[in-house]
C-alpha atoms as a PDB file:
ATOM      1  CA  MET A   1     -11.875   1.116 -17.019  1.00  0.00           C
ATOM      2  CA  PRO A   2     -13.982   4.244 -17.221  1.00  0.00           C
ATOM      3  CA  THR A   3     -14.136   6.756 -14.407  1.00  0.00           C
ATOM      4  CA  ARG A   4     -17.611   6.991 -12.973  1.00  0.00           C
ATOM      5  CA  ARG A   5     -17.122  10.320 -11.245  1.00  0.00           C
ATOM      6  CA  ARG A   6     -14.230  12.604 -10.245  1.00  0.00           C
ATOM      7  CA  TYR A   7     -14.643  15.569  -7.935  1.00  0.00           C
ATOM      8  CA  PRO A   8     -12.784  17.593  -5.271  1.00  0.00           C
ATOM      9  CA  LEU A   9     -13.556  16.832  -1.642  1.00  0.00           C
ATOM     10  CA  LYS A  10     -14.781  19.523   0.708  1.00  0.00           C
ATOM     11  CA  ALA A  11     -12.113  20.666   3.181  1.00  0.00           C
ATOM     12  CA  LYS A  12     -13.803  18.871   6.104  1.00  0.00           C
ATOM     13  CA  ASP A  13     -14.027  15.560   4.204  1.00  0.00           C
ATOM     14  CA  ALA A  14     -10.462  15.914   2.901  1.00  0.00           C
ATOM     15  CA  LYS A  15      -9.178  16.499   6.445  1.00  0.00           C
ATOM     16  CA  LEU A  16     -10.958  13.347   7.634  1.00  0.00           C
ATOM     17  CA  ILE A  17      -9.354  11.212   4.884  1.00  0.00           C
ATOM     18  CA  LEU A  18      -5.905  12.701   5.458  1.00  0.00           C
ATOM     19  CA  ASP A  19      -6.181  12.281   9.247  1.00  0.00           C
ATOM     20  CA  GLN A  20      -7.054   8.587   8.782  1.00  0.00           C
ATOM     21  CA  ALA A  21      -4.071   8.132   6.478  1.00  0.00           C
ATOM     22  CA  ILE A  22      -1.708   9.961   8.839  1.00  0.00           C
ATOM     23  CA  GLU A  23      -2.812   7.814  11.794  1.00  0.00           C
ATOM     24  CA  LYS A  24      -2.686   4.472   9.947  1.00  0.00           C
ATOM     25  CA  LEU A  25       0.352   5.039   7.737  1.00  0.00           C
ATOM     26  CA  LYS A  26       2.434   7.364   9.918  1.00  0.00           C
ATOM     27  CA  VAL A  27       3.030   9.870   7.096  1.00  0.00           C
ATOM     28  CA  ASP A  28       2.423  13.603   6.705  1.00  0.00           C
ATOM     29  CA  PHE A  29       0.695  15.698   4.076  1.00  0.00           C
ATOM     30  CA  ALA A  30       1.056  19.377   3.217  1.00  0.00           C
ATOM     31  CA  LYS A  31      -1.429  21.496   5.145  1.00  0.00           C
ATOM     32  CA  GLU A  32      -3.032  22.774   1.926  1.00  0.00           C
ATOM     33  CA  SER A  33      -3.154  19.450   0.083  1.00  0.00           C
ATOM     34  CA  THR A  34      -5.873  19.258  -2.543  1.00  0.00           C
ATOM     35  CA  VAL A  35      -7.861  16.045  -2.400  1.00  0.00           C
ATOM     36  CA  GLU A  36     -10.011  14.679  -5.191  1.00  0.00           C
ATOM     37  CA  VAL A  37     -11.877  11.403  -5.226  1.00  0.00           C
ATOM     38  CA  VAL A  38     -12.408   9.225  -8.248  1.00  0.00           C
ATOM     39  CA  GLU A  39     -15.327   6.851  -7.881  1.00  0.00           C
ATOM     40  CA  SER A  40     -14.506   3.947 -10.169  1.00  0.00           C
ATOM     41  CA  ASN A  41     -15.451   0.332 -10.664  1.00  0.00           C
ATOM     42  CA  VAL A  42     -12.325  -0.666  -8.670  1.00  0.00           C
ATOM     43  CA  GLY A  43     -13.264   1.516  -5.695  1.00  0.00           C
ATOM     44  CA  ASP A  44     -12.602   5.058  -4.516  1.00  0.00           C
ATOM     45  CA  ILE A  45      -9.182   6.408  -5.451  1.00  0.00           C
ATOM     46  CA  TYR A  46      -7.958   9.539  -3.653  1.00  0.00           C
ATOM     47  CA  ILE A  47      -5.834  11.920  -5.689  1.00  0.00           C
ATOM     48  CA  ILE A  48      -3.775  14.129  -3.433  1.00  0.00           C
ATOM     49  CA  ASP A  49      -1.948  17.049  -5.005  1.00  0.00           C
ATOM     50  CA  GLY A  50      -2.433  15.437  -8.403  1.00  0.00           C
ATOM     51  CA  LYS A  51      -1.226  11.926  -7.518  1.00  0.00           C
ATOM     52  CA  PRO A  52      -3.370   8.792  -6.949  1.00  0.00           C
ATOM     53  CA  ILE A  53      -1.868   7.785  -3.617  1.00  0.00           C
ATOM     54  CA  LEU A  54      -4.727   6.451  -1.472  1.00  0.00           C
ATOM     55  CA  PHE A  55      -7.663   4.125  -2.031  1.00  0.00           C
ATOM     56  CA  LYS A  56     -10.582   2.933   0.027  1.00  0.00           C
ATOM     57  CA  SER A  57     -10.980  -0.777   0.674  1.00  0.00           C
ATOM     58  CA  VAL A  58     -13.724  -2.063   2.979  1.00  0.00           C
ATOM     59  CA  ASN A  59     -13.979   1.288   4.787  1.00  0.00           C
ATOM     60  CA  ARG A  60     -10.199   1.502   5.279  1.00  0.00           C
ATOM     61  CA  ILE A  61      -7.950   4.111   3.698  1.00  0.00           C
ATOM     62  CA  LEU A  62      -4.877   2.409   2.248  1.00  0.00           C
ATOM     63  CA  PRO A  63      -1.809   3.567   0.297  1.00  0.00           C
ATOM     64  CA  THR A  64      -1.220   2.804  -3.356  1.00  0.00           C
ATOM     65  CA  LEU A  65       2.128   1.639  -4.691  1.00  0.00           C
ATOM     66  CA  LEU A  66       2.560   5.148  -6.149  1.00  0.00           C
ATOM     67  CA  PHE A  67       2.598   6.812  -2.699  1.00  0.00           C
ATOM     68  CA  SER A  68       6.319   7.623  -2.585  1.00  0.00           C
ATOM     69  CA  GLU A  69       6.389   8.915   1.006  1.00  0.00           C
ATOM     70  CA  PHE A  70       4.844   5.669   2.262  1.00  0.00           C
ATOM     71  CA  ILE A  71       7.191   3.616   0.063  1.00  0.00           C
ATOM     72  CA  THR A  72      10.186   5.449   1.562  1.00  0.00           C
ATOM     73  CA  LYS A  73       9.132   5.281   5.229  1.00  0.00           C
ATOM     74  CA  ALA A  74       7.238   1.990   5.505  1.00  0.00           C
ATOM     75  CA  PRO A  75       8.718  -1.067   7.188  1.00  0.00           C
ATOM     76  CA  LYS A  76       9.803  -3.505   4.504  1.00  0.00           C
ATOM     77  CA  VAL A  77       9.609  -7.242   4.027  1.00  0.00           C
ATOM     78  CA  VAL A  78      12.292  -8.211   1.506  1.00  0.00           C
ATOM     79  CA  VAL A  79      11.520 -11.360  -0.494  1.00  0.00           C
ATOM     80  CA  ASP A  80      13.712 -13.580  -2.643  1.00  0.00           C
ATOM     81  CA  MET A  81      13.333 -13.484  -6.420  1.00  0.00           C
ATOM     82  CA  GLY A  82      11.524 -16.834  -6.422  1.00  0.00           C
ATOM     83  CA  ALA A  83       8.647 -15.239  -4.500  1.00  0.00           C
ATOM     84  CA  VAL A  84       8.216 -12.321  -6.929  1.00  0.00           C
ATOM     85  CA  PRO A  85       5.842 -13.990  -9.449  1.00  0.00           C
ATOM     86  CA  PHE A  86       3.588 -15.128  -6.597  1.00  0.00           C
ATOM     87  CA  VAL A  87       3.592 -11.726  -4.874  1.00  0.00           C
ATOM     88  CA  CYS A  88       2.658 -10.093  -8.209  1.00  0.00           C
ATOM     89  CA  LYS A  89      -0.401 -12.346  -8.320  1.00  0.00           C
ATOM     90  CA  GLY A  90      -1.529 -11.365  -4.817  1.00  0.00           C
ATOM     91  CA  ALA A  91      -0.188 -14.298  -2.809  1.00  0.00           C
ATOM     92  CA  THR A  92       0.193 -14.057   0.949  1.00  0.00           C
ATOM     93  CA  ILE A  93       3.838 -13.537   1.908  1.00  0.00           C
ATOM     94  CA  MET A  94       5.166 -16.709   3.502  1.00  0.00           C
ATOM     95  CA  ALA A  95       8.160 -16.974   5.834  1.00  0.00           C
ATOM     96  CA  PRO A  96      10.348 -19.160   3.575  1.00  0.00           C
ATOM     97  CA  GLY A  97      10.387 -16.462   0.852  1.00  0.00           C
ATOM     98  CA  ILE A  98      11.557 -13.700   3.198  1.00  0.00           C
ATOM     99  CA  VAL A  99      15.217 -12.697   3.023  1.00  0.00           C
ATOM    100  CA  ARG A 100      15.103  -9.957   5.681  1.00  0.00           C
ATOM    101  CA  ILE A 101      12.963  -7.402   7.498  1.00  0.00           C
ATOM    102  CA  GLU A 102      13.734  -3.668   7.436  1.00  0.00           C
ATOM    103  CA  GLY A 103      12.155  -1.589  10.188  1.00  0.00           C
ATOM    104  CA  ASN A 104       9.702  -2.588  12.882  1.00  0.00           C
ATOM    105  CA  PHE A 105       5.977  -3.302  12.768  1.00  0.00           C
ATOM    106  CA  THR A 106       3.195  -4.841  14.811  1.00  0.00           C
ATOM    107  CA  ILE A 107       0.269  -7.052  13.826  1.00  0.00           C
ATOM    108  CA  GLY A 108      -2.044  -5.177  11.453  1.00  0.00           C
ATOM    109  CA  ASP A 109       0.494  -2.533  10.415  1.00  0.00           C
ATOM    110  CA  MET A 110       0.854  -1.771   6.709  1.00  0.00           C
ATOM    111  CA  VAL A 111       4.159  -3.063   5.343  1.00  0.00           C
ATOM    112  CA  LEU A 112       5.800  -2.826   1.957  1.00  0.00           C
ATOM    113  CA  VAL A 113       6.963  -5.972   0.159  1.00  0.00           C
ATOM    114  CA  VAL A 114      10.065  -5.465  -2.022  1.00  0.00           C
ATOM    115  CA  ASP A 115      12.290  -7.780  -4.039  1.00  0.00           C
ATOM    116  CA  VAL A 116      15.851  -8.508  -2.874  1.00  0.00           C
ATOM    117  CA  LYS A 117      17.570  -7.831  -6.222  1.00  0.00           C
ATOM    118  CA  HIS A 118      16.220  -4.375  -7.150  1.00  0.00           C
ATOM    119  CA  GLY A 119      14.361  -3.236  -4.016  1.00  0.00           C
ATOM    120  CA  LYS A 120      11.262  -2.625  -6.168  1.00  0.00           C
ATOM    121  CA  ALA A 121       7.926  -2.209  -4.409  1.00  0.00           C
ATOM    122  CA  LEU A 122       5.798  -5.252  -5.259  1.00  0.00           C
ATOM    123  CA  ALA A 123       2.958  -5.140  -2.758  1.00  0.00           C
ATOM    124  CA  ILE A 124       1.471  -3.558   0.319  1.00  0.00           C
ATOM    125  CA  GLY A 125       0.009  -5.788   2.966  1.00  0.00           C
ATOM    126  CA  ALA A 126      -1.061  -6.142   6.568  1.00  0.00           C
ATOM    127  CA  ALA A 127       1.408  -7.758   8.947  1.00  0.00           C
ATOM    128  CA  LEU A 128       0.135 -11.010  10.465  1.00  0.00           C
ATOM    129  CA  MET A 129       2.958 -11.045  13.064  1.00  0.00           C
ATOM    130  CA  ASN A 130       5.146  -8.402  14.656  1.00  0.00           C
ATOM    131  CA  SER A 131       8.599  -7.810  13.171  1.00  0.00           C
ATOM    132  CA  ASP A 132      10.490  -9.355  16.119  1.00  0.00           C
ATOM    133  CA  THR A 133       8.565 -12.619  15.720  1.00  0.00           C
ATOM    134  CA  VAL A 134       8.999 -12.644  11.923  1.00  0.00           C
ATOM    135  CA  ARG A 135      12.787 -12.474  12.258  1.00  0.00           C
ATOM    136  CA  TYR A 136      12.764 -15.912  13.939  1.00  0.00           C
ATOM    137  CA  THR A 137       9.893 -17.552  12.067  1.00  0.00           C
ATOM    138  CA  LYS A 138      10.743 -20.181   9.441  1.00  0.00           C
ATOM    139  CA  LYS A 139       7.275 -21.158   8.199  1.00  0.00           C
ATOM    140  CA  GLY A 140       3.757 -19.875   7.802  1.00  0.00           C
ATOM    141  CA  PRO A 141       2.039 -16.701   6.558  1.00  0.00           C
ATOM    142  CA  ILE A 142       3.643 -13.357   7.464  1.00  0.00           C
ATOM    143  CA  VAL A 143       1.888 -10.638   5.417  1.00  0.00           C
ATOM    144  CA  LYS A 144      -1.629 -10.649   3.957  1.00  0.00           C
ATOM    145  CA  THR A 145      -1.337  -8.903   0.594  1.00  0.00           C
ATOM    146  CA  ILE A 146      -3.849  -6.092   0.067  1.00  0.00           C
ATOM    147  CA  HIS A 147      -2.551  -4.239  -3.017  1.00  0.00           C
ATOM    148  CA  TYR A 148       0.050  -5.463  -5.503  1.00  0.00           C
ATOM    149  CA  VAL A 149       1.617  -4.771  -8.881  1.00  0.00           C
ATOM    150  CA  SER A 150      -0.822  -5.871 -11.606  1.00  0.00           C
ATOM    151  CA  ASP A 151      -3.995  -5.859  -9.469  1.00  0.00           C
ATOM    152  CA  LYS A 152      -7.094  -3.886 -10.523  1.00  0.00           C
ATOM    153  CA  ILE A 153      -6.133  -0.839  -8.460  1.00  0.00           C
ATOM    154  CA  TRP A 154      -2.577  -0.828  -9.851  1.00  0.00           C
ATOM    155  CA  ASN A 155      -3.797  -1.046 -13.440  1.00  0.00           C
ATOM    156  CA  TYR A 156      -6.345   1.712 -12.850  1.00  0.00           C
ATOM    157  CA  ILE A 157      -4.006   4.178 -11.107  1.00  0.00           C
ATOM    158  CA  LYS A 158      -1.347   3.665 -13.774  1.00  0.00           C
ATOM    159  CA  THR A 159      -3.736   5.360 -16.218  1.00  0.00           C
ATOM    160  CA  PHE A 160      -3.381   8.571 -14.135  1.00  0.00           C
ATOM    161  CA  SER A 161       0.382   8.753 -14.585  1.00  0.00           C
ATOM    162  CA  GLU A 162       0.503   8.076 -18.324  1.00  0.00           C
END
């Protein structure tokens, strides 16, 4: 997948992107973070301090699965191993596959989906219910998957870290 264009953002534009990420993801960035954008056929990827950690999807700034600070701090939905192949194909996270919830979230918050055996990050999605409700729900959709291992964004950003 060829890069169409890669360039540094102006300080004002970089601040806007980082402020959106801070508000939505509840994470911090270094004051002097360098921000580059890669315009590609999978969308805009934001490289912050040399790492591809944000991307733009339908005018929203979202984390990638390589954003370690988000991975560490995000509320987690832990799924059983039977759900893993489906999650890695972009399936919505359903209540029967959930083993437990770690942390708290409300509808629309970004959550991390991890497997129960290794705790590996499999996907990032938007919560369809708040965490208190999920803990007592036995059926139905819980998280709408937005970015997952093996999707186009994942495959593209992996080329940055090789």
